[in-house]
Amino acid sequence: MSGELLWSLGVVLVFVGFVLSFVAVVLLVLSGLKGKKSEGKARGGGVIVIGPFPVVFGTDKESVKILLLLSIVLVALLLVFMVFSFYILR
């Protein structure tokens, strides 16, 4: 696997990230335009990944569990790609 292919893969992944972010914003705007005036409870959280260790915070247990699961999957994928690229570029 050449460096050009890895660079192209990186550009494609960045583009996919931008597209996913744009779609998420559009869906959020469309759901807000539905006109439902219901009382909702705001939930949220975040993840800071320092090396292979995720630091998770959130407003309720359910969002923290989801974010923890997603961060573990992200770190596992990162390790797989690192090992894969090490053996390919070697």
PDB file of N, CA and C in Angstrom:
ATOM      1  N   MET A   1       0.855  -1.175   0.000  1.00  0.00           N
ATOM      2  CA  MET A   1       0.000   0.000   0.000  1.00  0.00           C
ATOM      3  C   MET A   1       0.897   1.231   0.000  1.00  0.00           C
ATOM      4  N   SER A   2       0.716   2.077  -0.980  1.00  0.00           N
ATOM      5  CA  SER A   2       1.601   3.225  -1.128  1.00  0.00           C
ATOM      6  C   SER A   2       1.123   4.396  -0.283  1.00  0.00           C
ATOM      7  N   GLY A   3       1.996   5.380  -0.168  1.00  0.00           N
ATOM      8  CA  GLY A   3       1.664   6.575   0.589  1.00  0.00           C
ATOM      9  C   GLY A   3       0.536   7.366  -0.052  1.00  0.00           C
ATOM     10  N   GLU A   4       0.481   7.336  -1.387  1.00  0.00           N
ATOM     11  CA  GLU A   4      -0.586   8.052  -2.093  1.00  0.00           C
ATOM     12  C   GLU A   4      -1.950   7.475  -1.759  1.00  0.00           C
ATOM     13  N   LEU A   5      -2.026   6.158  -1.658  1.00  0.00           N
ATOM     14  CA  LEU A   5      -3.296   5.518  -1.333  1.00  0.00           C
ATOM     15  C   LEU A   5      -3.729   5.865   0.090  1.00  0.00           C
ATOM     16  N   LEU A   6      -2.779   5.853   1.022  1.00  0.00           N
ATOM     17  CA  LEU A   6      -3.115   6.221   2.403  1.00  0.00           C
ATOM     18  C   LEU A   6      -3.541   7.678   2.500  1.00  0.00           C
ATOM     19  N   TRP A   7      -2.875   8.550   1.737  1.00  0.00           N
ATOM     20  CA  TRP A   7      -3.249   9.958   1.744  1.00  0.00           C
ATOM     21  C   TRP A   7      -4.653  10.142   1.174  1.00  0.00           C
ATOM     22  N   SER A   8      -4.953   9.438   0.098  1.00  0.00           N
ATOM     23  CA  SER A   8      -6.290   9.511  -0.509  1.00  0.00           C
ATOM     24  C   SER A   8      -7.348   8.986   0.447  1.00  0.00           C
ATOM     25  N   LEU A   9      -7.036   7.914   1.147  1.00  0.00           N
ATOM     26  CA  LEU A   9      -7.970   7.368   2.129  1.00  0.00           C
ATOM     27  C   LEU A   9      -8.233   8.378   3.243  1.00  0.00           C
ATOM     28  N   GLY A  10      -7.205   9.069   3.685  1.00  0.00           N
ATOM     29  CA  GLY A  10      -7.370  10.091   4.709  1.00  0.00           C
ATOM     30  C   GLY A  10      -8.243  11.236   4.242  1.00  0.00           C
ATOM     31  N   VAL A  11      -8.051  11.672   3.008  1.00  0.00           N
ATOM     32  CA  VAL A  11      -8.868  12.758   2.455  1.00  0.00           C
ATOM     33  C   VAL A  11     -10.328  12.318   2.355  1.00  0.00           C
ATOM     34  N   VAL A  12     -10.550  11.085   1.919  1.00  0.00           N
ATOM     35  CA  VAL A  12     -11.918  10.574   1.806  1.00  0.00           C
ATOM     36  C   VAL A  12     -12.573  10.500   3.186  1.00  0.00           C
ATOM     37  N   LEU A  13     -11.846  10.043   4.187  1.00  0.00           N
ATOM     38  CA  LEU A  13     -12.409   9.953   5.536  1.00  0.00           C
ATOM     39  C   LEU A  13     -12.745  11.333   6.096  1.00  0.00           C
ATOM     40  N   VAL A  14     -11.918  12.320   5.834  1.00  0.00           N
ATOM     41  CA  VAL A  14     -12.223  13.684   6.270  1.00  0.00           C
ATOM     42  C   VAL A  14     -13.470  14.191   5.565  1.00  0.00           C
ATOM     43  N   PHE A  15     -13.583  13.934   4.262  1.00  0.00           N
ATOM     44  CA  PHE A  15     -14.760  14.341   3.511  1.00  0.00           C
ATOM     45  C   PHE A  15     -16.016  13.669   4.051  1.00  0.00           C
ATOM     46  N   VAL A  16     -15.943  12.380   4.351  1.00  0.00           N
ATOM     47  CA  VAL A  16     -17.086  11.661   4.914  1.00  0.00           C
ATOM     48  C   VAL A  16     -17.472  12.258   6.266  1.00  0.00           C
ATOM     49  N   GLY A  17     -16.499  12.660   7.066  1.00  0.00           N
ATOM     50  CA  GLY A  17     -16.793  13.295   8.342  1.00  0.00           C
ATOM     51  C   GLY A  17     -17.537  14.607   8.167  1.00  0.00           C
ATOM     52  N   PHE A  18     -17.123  15.411   7.186  1.00  0.00           N
ATOM     53  CA  PHE A  18     -17.831  16.664   6.908  1.00  0.00           C
ATOM     54  C   PHE A  18     -19.256  16.400   6.440  1.00  0.00           C
ATOM     55  N   VAL A  19     -19.434  15.409   5.582  1.00  0.00           N
ATOM     56  CA  VAL A  19     -20.770  15.084   5.085  1.00  0.00           C
ATOM     57  C   VAL A  19     -21.664  14.613   6.224  1.00  0.00           C
ATOM     58  N   LEU A  20     -21.151  13.754   7.099  1.00  0.00           N
ATOM     59  CA  LEU A  20     -21.937  13.282   8.241  1.00  0.00           C
ATOM     60  C   LEU A  20     -22.316  14.433   9.167  1.00  0.00           C
ATOM     61  N   SER A  21     -21.408  15.351   9.386  1.00  0.00           N
ATOM     62  CA  SER A  21     -21.711  16.516  10.215  1.00  0.00           C
ATOM     63  C   SER A  21     -22.789  17.377   9.580  1.00  0.00           C
ATOM     64  N   PHE A  22     -22.705  17.588   8.279  1.00  0.00           N
ATOM     65  CA  PHE A  22     -23.704  18.378   7.578  1.00  0.00           C
ATOM     66  C   PHE A  22     -25.075  17.714   7.647  1.00  0.00           C
ATOM     67  N   VAL A  23     -25.127  16.402   7.431  1.00  0.00           N
ATOM     68  CA  VAL A  23     -26.395  15.674   7.498  1.00  0.00           C
ATOM     69  C   VAL A  23     -26.986  15.754   8.909  1.00  0.00           C
ATOM     70  N   ALA A  24     -26.154  15.665   9.927  1.00  0.00           N
ATOM     71  CA  ALA A  24     -26.639  15.757  11.308  1.00  0.00           C
ATOM     72  C   ALA A  24     -27.245  17.125  11.583  1.00  0.00           C
ATOM     73  N   VAL A  25     -26.614  18.180  11.096  1.00  0.00           N
ATOM     74  CA  VAL A  25     -27.147  19.531  11.301  1.00  0.00           C
ATOM     75  C   VAL A  25     -28.470  19.701  10.557  1.00  0.00           C
ATOM     76  N   VAL A  26     -28.552  19.201   9.330  1.00  0.00           N
ATOM     77  CA  VAL A  26     -29.794  19.308   8.561  1.00  0.00           C
ATOM     78  C   VAL A  26     -30.915  18.549   9.260  1.00  0.00           C
ATOM     79  N   LEU A  27     -30.636  17.348   9.744  1.00  0.00           N
ATOM     80  CA  LEU A  27     -31.661  16.580  10.460  1.00  0.00           C
ATOM     81  C   LEU A  27     -32.095  17.283  11.737  1.00  0.00           C
ATOM     82  N   LEU A  28     -31.172  17.920  12.428  1.00  0.00           N
ATOM     83  CA  LEU A  28     -31.507  18.654  13.640  1.00  0.00           C
ATOM     84  C   LEU A  28     -32.404  19.843  13.326  1.00  0.00           C
ATOM     85  N   VAL A  29     -32.097  20.553  12.261  1.00  0.00           N
ATOM     86  CA  VAL A  29     -32.922  21.693  11.867  1.00  0.00           C
ATOM     87  C   VAL A  29     -34.313  21.221  11.445  1.00  0.00           C
ATOM     88  N   LEU A  30     -34.382  20.150  10.674  1.00  0.00           N
ATOM     89  CA  LEU A  30     -35.673  19.638  10.234  1.00  0.00           C
ATOM     90  C   LEU A  30     -36.522  19.148  11.398  1.00  0.00           C
ATOM     91  N   SER A  31     -35.898  18.524  12.383  1.00  0.00           N
ATOM     92  CA  SER A  31     -36.668  18.067  13.540  1.00  0.00           C
ATOM     93  C   SER A  31     -37.147  19.251  14.372  1.00  0.00           C
ATOM     94  N   GLY A  32     -36.421  20.346  14.367  1.00  0.00           N
ATOM     95  CA  GLY A  32     -36.848  21.541  15.085  1.00  0.00           C
ATOM     96  C   GLY A  32     -37.965  22.276  14.363  1.00  0.00           C
ATOM     97  N   LEU A  33     -38.064  22.101  13.046  1.00  0.00           N
ATOM     98  CA  LEU A  33     -39.097  22.766  12.261  1.00  0.00           C
ATOM     99  C   LEU A  33     -40.424  22.024  12.248  1.00  0.00           C
ATOM    100  N   LYS A  34     -40.473  20.846  12.840  1.00  0.00           N
ATOM    101  CA  LYS A  34     -41.711  20.066  12.836  1.00  0.00           C
ATOM    102  C   LYS A  34     -42.842  20.801  13.545  1.00  0.00           C
ATOM    103  N   GLY A  35     -42.492  21.685  14.450  1.00  0.00           N
ATOM    104  CA  GLY A  35     -43.518  22.464  15.118  1.00  0.00           C
ATOM    105  C   GLY A  35     -44.019  21.862  16.411  1.00  0.00           C
ATOM    106  N   LYS A  36     -43.475  20.763  16.818  1.00  0.00           N
ATOM    107  CA  LYS A  36     -43.891  20.186  18.094  1.00  0.00           C
ATOM    108  C   LYS A  36     -43.378  21.054  19.223  1.00  0.00           C
ATOM    109  N   LYS A  37     -44.273  21.456  20.070  1.00  0.00           N
ATOM    110  CA  LYS A  37     -43.900  22.275  21.225  1.00  0.00           C
ATOM    111  C   LYS A  37     -44.024  21.420  22.481  1.00  0.00           C
ATOM    112  N   SER A  38     -43.259  20.386  22.557  1.00  0.00           N
ATOM    113  CA  SER A  38     -43.323  19.501  23.720  1.00  0.00           C
ATOM    114  C   SER A  38     -42.214  19.863  24.696  1.00  0.00           C
ATOM    115  N   GLU A  39     -42.481  19.579  25.921  1.00  0.00           N
ATOM    116  CA  GLU A  39     -41.467  19.788  26.951  1.00  0.00           C
ATOM    117  C   GLU A  39     -40.455  18.661  26.850  1.00  0.00           C
ATOM    118  N   GLY A  40     -39.241  18.996  26.566  1.00  0.00           N
ATOM    119  CA  GLY A  40     -38.198  17.998  26.436  1.00  0.00           C
ATOM    120  C   GLY A  40     -37.101  18.229  27.459  1.00  0.00           C
ATOM    121  N   LYS A  41     -36.368  17.210  27.698  1.00  0.00           N
ATOM    122  CA  LYS A  41     -35.247  17.310  28.632  1.00  0.00           C
ATOM    123  C   LYS A  41     -33.960  17.224  27.815  1.00  0.00           C
ATOM    124  N   ALA A  42     -33.096  18.185  28.014  1.00  0.00           N
ATOM    125  CA  ALA A  42     -31.839  18.202  27.276  1.00  0.00           C
ATOM    126  C   ALA A  42     -30.870  17.197  27.884  1.00  0.00           C
ATOM    127  N   ARG A  43     -30.258  16.416  27.015  1.00  0.00           N
ATOM    128  CA  ARG A  43     -29.246  15.460  27.439  1.00  0.00           C
ATOM    129  C   ARG A  43     -28.027  15.667  26.570  1.00  0.00           C
ATOM    130  N   GLY A  44     -26.901  15.336  27.103  1.00  0.00           N
ATOM    131  CA  GLY A  44     -25.699  15.472  26.301  1.00  0.00           C
ATOM    132  C   GLY A  44     -24.478  14.981  27.033  1.00  0.00           C
ATOM    133  N   GLY A  45     -23.371  15.061  26.349  1.00  0.00           N
ATOM    134  CA  GLY A  45     -22.121  14.625  26.938  1.00  0.00           C
ATOM    135  C   GLY A  45     -20.994  14.800  25.940  1.00  0.00           C
ATOM    136  N   GLY A  46     -19.845  14.353  26.330  1.00  0.00           N
ATOM    137  CA  GLY A  46     -18.692  14.476  25.464  1.00  0.00           C
ATOM    138  C   GLY A  46     -17.604  13.493  25.840  1.00  0.00           C
ATOM    139  N   VAL A  47     -16.655  13.359  24.951  1.00  0.00           N
ATOM    140  CA  VAL A  47     -15.535  12.445  25.156  1.00  0.00           C
ATOM    141  C   VAL A  47     -14.256  13.179  24.776  1.00  0.00           C
ATOM    142  N   ILE A  48     -13.263  13.076  25.622  1.00  0.00           N
ATOM    143  CA  ILE A  48     -11.929  13.568  25.314  1.00  0.00           C
ATOM    144  C   ILE A  48     -11.017  12.353  25.326  1.00  0.00           C
ATOM    145  N   VAL A  49     -10.401  12.069  24.183  1.00  0.00           N
ATOM    146  CA  VAL A  49      -9.523  10.905  24.076  1.00  0.00           C
ATOM    147  C   VAL A  49      -8.085  11.383  24.232  1.00  0.00           C
ATOM    148  N   ILE A  50      -7.441  10.937  25.304  1.00  0.00           N
ATOM    149  CA  ILE A  50      -6.047  11.272  25.573  1.00  0.00           C
ATOM    150  C   ILE A  50      -5.247   9.983  25.400  1.00  0.00           C
ATOM    151  N   GLY A  51      -4.569   9.907  24.265  1.00  0.00           N
ATOM    152  CA  GLY A  51      -3.877   8.660  23.946  1.00  0.00           C
ATOM    153  C   GLY A  51      -4.912   7.576  23.718  1.00  0.00           C
ATOM    154  N   PRO A  52      -4.754   6.428  24.331  1.00  0.00           N
ATOM    155  CA  PRO A  52      -5.773   5.381  24.182  1.00  0.00           C
ATOM    156  C   PRO A  52      -6.840   5.427  25.273  1.00  0.00           C
ATOM    157  N   PHE A  53      -6.841   6.461  26.114  1.00  0.00           N
ATOM    158  CA  PHE A  53      -7.751   6.505  27.249  1.00  0.00           C
ATOM    159  C   PHE A  53      -8.850   7.545  27.033  1.00  0.00           C
ATOM    160  N   PRO A  54     -10.124   7.104  26.943  1.00  0.00           N
ATOM    161  CA  PRO A  54     -11.211   8.062  26.790  1.00  0.00           C
ATOM    162  C   PRO A  54     -11.655   8.621  28.150  1.00  0.00           C
ATOM    163  N   VAL A  55     -11.875   9.930  28.195  1.00  0.00           N
ATOM    164  CA  VAL A  55     -12.443  10.590  29.371  1.00  0.00           C
ATOM    165  C   VAL A  55     -13.853  11.006  28.979  1.00  0.00           C
ATOM    166  N   VAL A  56     -14.866  10.413  29.633  1.00  0.00           N
ATOM    167  CA  VAL A  56     -16.258  10.596  29.247  1.00  0.00           C
ATOM    168  C   VAL A  56     -16.971  11.418  30.308  1.00  0.00           C
ATOM    169  N   PHE A  57     -17.797  12.373  29.856  1.00  0.00           N
ATOM    170  CA  PHE A  57     -18.640  13.131  30.776  1.00  0.00           C
ATOM    171  C   PHE A  57     -20.005  13.326  30.130  1.00  0.00           C
ATOM    172  N   GLY A  58     -21.040  13.476  30.954  1.00  0.00           N
ATOM    173  CA  GLY A  58     -22.381  13.648  30.423  1.00  0.00           C
ATOM    174  C   GLY A  58     -23.366  14.065  31.482  1.00  0.00           C
ATOM    175  N   THR A  59     -24.604  14.315  31.040  1.00  0.00           N
ATOM    176  CA  THR A  59     -25.639  14.806  31.945  1.00  0.00           C
ATOM    177  C   THR A  59     -26.445  13.690  32.586  1.00  0.00           C
ATOM    178  N   ASP A  60     -26.462  12.522  31.992  1.00  0.00           N
ATOM    179  CA  ASP A  60     -27.187  11.396  32.589  1.00  0.00           C
ATOM    180  C   ASP A  60     -26.450  10.092  32.285  1.00  0.00           C
ATOM    181  N   LYS A  61     -26.865   9.038  32.977  1.00  0.00           N
ATOM    182  CA  LYS A  61     -26.155   7.761  32.857  1.00  0.00           C
ATOM    183  C   LYS A  61     -26.271   7.155  31.461  1.00  0.00           C
ATOM    184  N   GLU A  62     -27.417   7.309  30.827  1.00  0.00           N
ATOM    185  CA  GLU A  62     -27.615   6.694  29.516  1.00  0.00           C
ATOM    186  C   GLU A  62     -26.691   7.306  28.463  1.00  0.00           C
ATOM    187  N   SER A  63     -26.572   8.617  28.456  1.00  0.00           N
ATOM    188  CA  SER A  63     -25.690   9.246  27.459  1.00  0.00           C
ATOM    189  C   SER A  63     -24.225   8.914  27.739  1.00  0.00           C
ATOM    190  N   VAL A  64     -23.860   8.800  29.006  1.00  0.00           N
ATOM    191  CA  VAL A  64     -22.482   8.432  29.344  1.00  0.00           C
ATOM    192  C   VAL A  64     -22.182   7.003  28.889  1.00  0.00           C
ATOM    193  N   LYS A  65     -23.140   6.091  29.063  1.00  0.00           N
ATOM    194  CA  LYS A  65     -22.933   4.706  28.623  1.00  0.00           C
ATOM    195  C   LYS A  65     -22.757   4.633  27.110  1.00  0.00           C
ATOM    196  N   ILE A  66     -23.587   5.380  26.375  1.00  0.00           N
ATOM    197  CA  ILE A  66     -23.488   5.373  24.917  1.00  0.00           C
ATOM    198  C   ILE A  66     -22.150   5.949  24.470  1.00  0.00           C
ATOM    199  N   LEU A  67     -21.759   7.072  25.066  1.00  0.00           N
ATOM    200  CA  LEU A  67     -20.485   7.696  24.699  1.00  0.00           C
ATOM    201  C   LEU A  67     -19.300   6.816  25.064  1.00  0.00           C
ATOM    202  N   LEU A  68     -19.373   6.132  26.196  1.00  0.00           N
ATOM    203  CA  LEU A  68     -18.295   5.230  26.594  1.00  0.00           C
ATOM    204  C   LEU A  68     -18.160   4.083  25.592  1.00  0.00           C
ATOM    205  N   LEU A  69     -19.285   3.515  25.189  1.00  0.00           N
ATOM    206  CA  LEU A  69     -19.260   2.428  24.211  1.00  0.00           C
ATOM    207  C   LEU A  69     -18.679   2.916  22.879  1.00  0.00           C
ATOM    208  N   LEU A  70     -19.118   4.085  22.416  1.00  0.00           N
ATOM    209  CA  LEU A  70     -18.601   4.621  21.161  1.00  0.00           C
ATOM    210  C   LEU A  70     -17.116   4.950  21.243  1.00  0.00           C
ATOM    211  N   SER A  71     -16.669   5.459  22.375  1.00  0.00           N
ATOM    212  CA  SER A  71     -15.251   5.783  22.507  1.00  0.00           C
ATOM    213  C   SER A  71     -14.394   4.520  22.563  1.00  0.00           C
ATOM    214  N   ILE A  72     -14.883   3.463  23.171  1.00  0.00           N
ATOM    215  CA  ILE A  72     -14.140   2.197  23.191  1.00  0.00           C
ATOM    216  C   ILE A  72     -14.020   1.642  21.777  1.00  0.00           C
ATOM    217  N   VAL A  73     -15.107   1.717  21.001  1.00  0.00           N
ATOM    218  CA  VAL A  73     -15.069   1.263  19.613  1.00  0.00           C
ATOM    219  C   VAL A  73     -14.083   2.114  18.813  1.00  0.00           C
ATOM    220  N   LEU A  74     -14.096   3.431  19.035  1.00  0.00           N
ATOM    221  CA  LEU A  74     -13.180   4.323  18.327  1.00  0.00           C
ATOM    222  C   LEU A  74     -11.727   3.996  18.640  1.00  0.00           C
ATOM    223  N   VAL A  75     -11.407   3.774  19.900  1.00  0.00           N
ATOM    224  CA  VAL A  75     -10.036   3.455  20.286  1.00  0.00           C
ATOM    225  C   VAL A  75      -9.629   2.099  19.704  1.00  0.00           C
ATOM    226  N   ALA A  76     -10.550   1.130  19.703  1.00  0.00           N
ATOM    227  CA  ALA A  76     -10.237  -0.182  19.123  1.00  0.00           C
ATOM    228  C   ALA A  76      -9.965  -0.059  17.625  1.00  0.00           C
ATOM    229  N   LEU A  77     -10.781   0.728  16.918  1.00  0.00           N
ATOM    230  CA  LEU A  77     -10.541   0.936  15.490  1.00  0.00           C
ATOM    231  C   LEU A  77      -9.219   1.646  15.243  1.00  0.00           C
ATOM    232  N   LEU A  78      -8.900   2.602  16.089  1.00  0.00           N
ATOM    233  CA  LEU A  78      -7.631   3.303  15.967  1.00  0.00           C
ATOM    234  C   LEU A  78      -6.455   2.342  16.114  1.00  0.00           C
ATOM    235  N   LEU A  79      -6.522   1.462  17.101  1.00  0.00           N
ATOM    236  CA  LEU A  79      -5.448   0.490  17.304  1.00  0.00           C
ATOM    237  C   LEU A  79      -5.345  -0.482  16.139  1.00  0.00           C
ATOM    238  N   VAL A  80      -6.491  -0.914  15.606  1.00  0.00           N
ATOM    239  CA  VAL A  80      -6.485  -1.824  14.457  1.00  0.00           C
ATOM    240  C   VAL A  80      -5.844  -1.142  13.254  1.00  0.00           C
ATOM    241  N   PHE A  81      -6.222   0.119  12.982  1.00  0.00           N
ATOM    242  CA  PHE A  81      -5.635   0.825  11.848  1.00  0.00           C
ATOM    243  C   PHE A  81      -4.146   1.071  12.050  1.00  0.00           C
ATOM    244  N   MET A  82      -3.727   1.328  13.274  1.00  0.00           N
ATOM    245  CA  MET A  82      -2.304   1.542  13.530  1.00  0.00           C
ATOM    246  C   MET A  82      -1.513   0.267  13.266  1.00  0.00           C
ATOM    247  N   VAL A  83      -2.004  -0.859  13.764  1.00  0.00           N
ATOM    248  CA  VAL A  83      -1.307  -2.133  13.552  1.00  0.00           C
ATOM    249  C   VAL A  83      -1.326  -2.494  12.075  1.00  0.00           C
ATOM    250  N   PHE A  84      -2.473  -2.284  11.421  1.00  0.00           N
ATOM    251  CA  PHE A  84      -2.597  -2.591   9.998  1.00  0.00           C
ATOM    252  C   PHE A  84      -1.633  -1.759   9.166  1.00  0.00           C
ATOM    253  N   SER A  85      -1.549  -0.468   9.445  1.00  0.00           N
ATOM    254  CA  SER A  85      -0.661   0.388   8.673  1.00  0.00           C
ATOM    255  C   SER A  85       0.813   0.087   8.980  1.00  0.00           C
ATOM    256  N   PHE A  86       1.102  -0.348  10.222  1.00  0.00           N
ATOM    257  CA  PHE A  86       2.482  -0.701  10.559  1.00  0.00           C
ATOM    258  C   PHE A  86       2.959  -1.887   9.721  1.00  0.00           C
ATOM    259  N   TYR A  87       2.106  -2.922   9.593  1.00  0.00           N
ATOM    260  CA  TYR A  87       2.513  -4.102   8.839  1.00  0.00           C
ATOM    261  C   TYR A  87       2.499  -3.854   7.333  1.00  0.00           C
ATOM    262  N   ILE A  88       1.627  -2.981   6.865  1.00  0.00           N
ATOM    263  CA  ILE A  88       1.567  -2.706   5.435  1.00  0.00           C
ATOM    264  C   ILE A  88       2.760  -1.854   5.006  1.00  0.00           C
ATOM    265  N   LEU A  89       3.101  -0.843   5.796  1.00  0.00           N
ATOM    266  CA  LEU A  89       4.180   0.069   5.412  1.00  0.00           C
ATOM    267  C   LEU A  89       5.559  -0.501   5.700  1.00  0.00           C
ATOM    268  N   ARG A  90       5.634  -1.603   6.402  1.00  0.00           N
ATOM    269  CA  ARG A  90       6.900  -2.204   6.755  1.00  0.00           C
ATOM    270  C   ARG A  90       7.478  -2.944   5.639  1.00  0.00           C
TER     271      ARG A  90
END
